[in-house]
Amino acid sequence: MPEMNEYEYLDSAPEYAQDTASMINWSANCEWHNSPYALYLDLIGESEERFGENLTTSVPSLGYIELDKLAKALTEYANRPNDIRDWLSGLEEIANAEIYS
């Protein structure tokens, strides 16, 4: 696979992860701990597994757009949890490579 940055990875998300990618992109407009993405990672158990703790300290107050994006991403996860976890791992690898390069 050619090297991609985080945004290219999100833009080229497979069909089964389109709504998840959209939610992650939207979350860039929010404070990290109050973002739909942080809450999503908490809800699917990834934050505890990857970071050793929940990312949100309290349930963030989300607007209707954020709730819609979160709901669609959770539906994708419910339909294909292993594929979504693998896809998120790829995103994390790219993000870590960008941080440490």
C-alpha atoms as a PDB file:
ATOM      1  CA  MET A   1       0.000   0.000   0.000  1.00  0.00           C
ATOM      2  CA  PRO A   2       1.428   3.411  -0.885  1.00  0.00           C
ATOM      3  CA  GLU A   3       2.160   5.699   2.024  1.00  0.00           C
ATOM      4  CA  MET A   4      -0.791   7.905   2.908  1.00  0.00           C
ATOM      5  CA  ASN A   5      -1.355  10.621   5.390  1.00  0.00           C
ATOM      6  CA  GLU A   6      -4.246  10.538   7.839  1.00  0.00           C
ATOM      7  CA  TYR A   7      -6.562  12.587   5.626  1.00  0.00           C
ATOM      8  CA  GLU A   8      -5.899  10.447   2.552  1.00  0.00           C
ATOM      9  CA  TYR A   9      -6.595   7.326   4.612  1.00  0.00           C
ATOM     10  CA  LEU A  10      -9.912   8.760   5.791  1.00  0.00           C
ATOM     11  CA  ASP A  11     -10.827   9.884   2.258  1.00  0.00           C
ATOM     12  CA  SER A  12     -10.121   6.414   0.885  1.00  0.00           C
ATOM     13  CA  ALA A  13     -12.104   4.541   3.540  1.00  0.00           C
ATOM     14  CA  PRO A  14     -13.751   1.348   2.312  1.00  0.00           C
ATOM     15  CA  GLU A  15     -17.501   1.400   1.827  1.00  0.00           C
ATOM     16  CA  TYR A  16     -18.123  -0.322   5.171  1.00  0.00           C
ATOM     17  CA  ALA A  17     -16.265   2.484   7.016  1.00  0.00           C
ATOM     18  CA  GLN A  18     -17.513   5.579   5.151  1.00  0.00           C
ATOM     19  CA  ASP A  19     -19.681   6.835   8.016  1.00  0.00           C
ATOM     20  CA  THR A  20     -16.940   6.142  10.536  1.00  0.00           C
ATOM     21  CA  ALA A  21     -14.489   8.173   8.458  1.00  0.00           C
ATOM     22  CA  SER A  22     -17.039  10.980   8.175  1.00  0.00           C
ATOM     23  CA  MET A  23     -17.506  11.012  11.950  1.00  0.00           C
ATOM     24  CA  ILE A  24     -13.737  11.097  12.513  1.00  0.00           C
ATOM     25  CA  ASN A  25     -13.339  13.976  10.042  1.00  0.00           C
ATOM     26  CA  TRP A  26     -16.159  15.894  11.710  1.00  0.00           C
ATOM     27  CA  SER A  27     -14.597  15.316  15.133  1.00  0.00           C
ATOM     28  CA  ALA A  28     -11.563  17.345  14.065  1.00  0.00           C
ATOM     29  CA  ASN A  29     -13.803  20.391  14.608  1.00  0.00           C
ATOM     30  CA  CYS A  30     -14.348  19.493  18.276  1.00  0.00           C
ATOM     31  CA  GLU A  31     -12.218  19.470  21.402  1.00  0.00           C
ATOM     32  CA  TRP A  32     -10.712  15.983  21.582  1.00  0.00           C
ATOM     33  CA  HIS A  33     -12.313  14.815  24.866  1.00  0.00           C
ATOM     34  CA  ASN A  34     -15.686  16.237  23.817  1.00  0.00           C
ATOM     35  CA  SER A  35     -15.645  14.813  20.301  1.00  0.00           C
ATOM     36  CA  PRO A  36     -17.892  12.155  18.821  1.00  0.00           C
ATOM     37  CA  TYR A  37     -14.750  10.160  17.960  1.00  0.00           C
ATOM     38  CA  ALA A  38     -13.507  10.038  21.564  1.00  0.00           C
ATOM     39  CA  LEU A  39     -16.958   8.940  22.765  1.00  0.00           C
ATOM     40  CA  TYR A  40     -17.120   6.375  19.942  1.00  0.00           C
ATOM     41  CA  LEU A  41     -13.779   4.859  20.980  1.00  0.00           C
ATOM     42  CA  ASP A  42     -15.051   4.657  24.573  1.00  0.00           C
ATOM     43  CA  LEU A  43     -18.336   3.037  23.533  1.00  0.00           C
ATOM     44  CA  ILE A  44     -16.719   0.313  21.418  1.00  0.00           C
ATOM     45  CA  GLY A  45     -14.050  -0.418  24.048  1.00  0.00           C
ATOM     46  CA  GLU A  46     -11.111   0.713  21.958  1.00  0.00           C
ATOM     47  CA  SER A  47      -9.964   3.550  24.210  1.00  0.00           C
ATOM     48  CA  GLU A  48      -9.498   1.231  27.186  1.00  0.00           C
ATOM     49  CA  GLU A  49      -7.720  -1.349  25.053  1.00  0.00           C
ATOM     50  CA  ARG A  50      -5.454   1.061  23.141  1.00  0.00           C
ATOM     51  CA  PHE A  51      -4.852   3.819  25.673  1.00  0.00           C
ATOM     52  CA  GLY A  52      -5.572   2.116  29.002  1.00  0.00           C
ATOM     53  CA  GLU A  53      -8.333   4.529  29.945  1.00  0.00           C
ATOM     54  CA  ASN A  54     -11.524   6.105  28.705  1.00  0.00           C
ATOM     55  CA  LEU A  55     -10.960   9.234  26.655  1.00  0.00           C
ATOM     56  CA  THR A  56     -14.027  11.144  27.766  1.00  0.00           C
ATOM     57  CA  THR A  57     -14.209  12.255  31.375  1.00  0.00           C
ATOM     58  CA  SER A  58     -17.938  12.865  31.122  1.00  0.00           C
ATOM     59  CA  VAL A  59     -20.529  12.345  28.417  1.00  0.00           C
ATOM     60  CA  PRO A  60     -20.070  15.232  26.008  1.00  0.00           C
ATOM     61  CA  SER A  61     -23.021  17.309  24.930  1.00  0.00           C
ATOM     62  CA  LEU A  62     -23.340  16.564  21.240  1.00  0.00           C
ATOM     63  CA  GLY A  63     -25.477  18.373  18.695  1.00  0.00           C
ATOM     64  CA  TYR A  64     -27.814  16.672  16.265  1.00  0.00           C
ATOM     65  CA  ILE A  65     -25.192  16.441  13.498  1.00  0.00           C
ATOM     66  CA  GLU A  66     -22.654  14.882  15.853  1.00  0.00           C
ATOM     67  CA  LEU A  67     -25.242  12.419  17.170  1.00  0.00           C
ATOM     68  CA  ASP A  68     -26.213  11.446  13.635  1.00  0.00           C
ATOM     69  CA  LYS A  69     -22.606  10.828  12.652  1.00  0.00           C
ATOM     70  CA  LEU A  70     -21.948   8.878  15.852  1.00  0.00           C
ATOM     71  CA  ALA A  71     -25.048   6.725  15.326  1.00  0.00           C
ATOM     72  CA  LYS A  72     -24.081   5.889  11.749  1.00  0.00           C
ATOM     73  CA  ALA A  73     -20.515   5.011  12.786  1.00  0.00           C
ATOM     74  CA  LEU A  74     -21.821   2.774  15.579  1.00  0.00           C
ATOM     75  CA  THR A  75     -24.118   1.037  13.086  1.00  0.00           C
ATOM     76  CA  GLU A  76     -21.133   0.303  10.854  1.00  0.00           C
ATOM     77  CA  TYR A  77     -19.299  -1.078  13.876  1.00  0.00           C
ATOM     78  CA  ALA A  78     -22.290  -3.237  14.834  1.00  0.00           C
ATOM     79  CA  ASN A  79     -22.410  -4.649  11.302  1.00  0.00           C
ATOM     80  CA  ARG A  80     -18.666  -5.299  10.878  1.00  0.00           C
ATOM     81  CA  PRO A  81     -16.799  -4.912  14.184  1.00  0.00           C
ATOM     82  CA  ASN A  82     -13.620  -6.742  13.185  1.00  0.00           C
ATOM     83  CA  ASP A  83     -13.303  -4.880   9.889  1.00  0.00           C
ATOM     84  CA  ILE A  84     -13.818  -1.523  11.605  1.00  0.00           C
ATOM     85  CA  ARG A  85     -11.271  -2.375  14.323  1.00  0.00           C
ATOM     86  CA  ASP A  86      -8.728  -3.372  11.653  1.00  0.00           C
ATOM     87  CA  TRP A  87      -9.426  -0.190   9.695  1.00  0.00           C
ATOM     88  CA  LEU A  88      -9.028   1.920  12.861  1.00  0.00           C
ATOM     89  CA  SER A  89      -5.706   0.163  13.536  1.00  0.00           C
ATOM     90  CA  GLY A  90      -4.505   1.297  10.116  1.00  0.00           C
ATOM     91  CA  LEU A  91      -5.506   4.863  10.931  1.00  0.00           C
ATOM     92  CA  GLU A  92      -3.677   4.677  14.262  1.00  0.00           C
ATOM     93  CA  GLU A  93      -0.529   3.381  12.560  1.00  0.00           C
ATOM     94  CA  ILE A  94      -0.551   6.305  10.130  1.00  0.00           C
ATOM     95  CA  ALA A  95      -1.208   8.818  12.920  1.00  0.00           C
ATOM     96  CA  ASN A  96       1.654   7.383  15.004  1.00  0.00           C
ATOM     97  CA  ALA A  97       3.996   7.402  12.007  1.00  0.00           C
ATOM     98  CA  GLU A  98       3.191  11.086  11.407  1.00  0.00           C
ATOM     99  CA  ILE A  99       3.820  11.928  15.066  1.00  0.00           C
ATOM    100  CA  TYR A 100       7.136  10.073  15.318  1.00  0.00           C
ATOM    101  CA  SER A 101       8.591  10.940  11.907  1.00  0.00           C
END
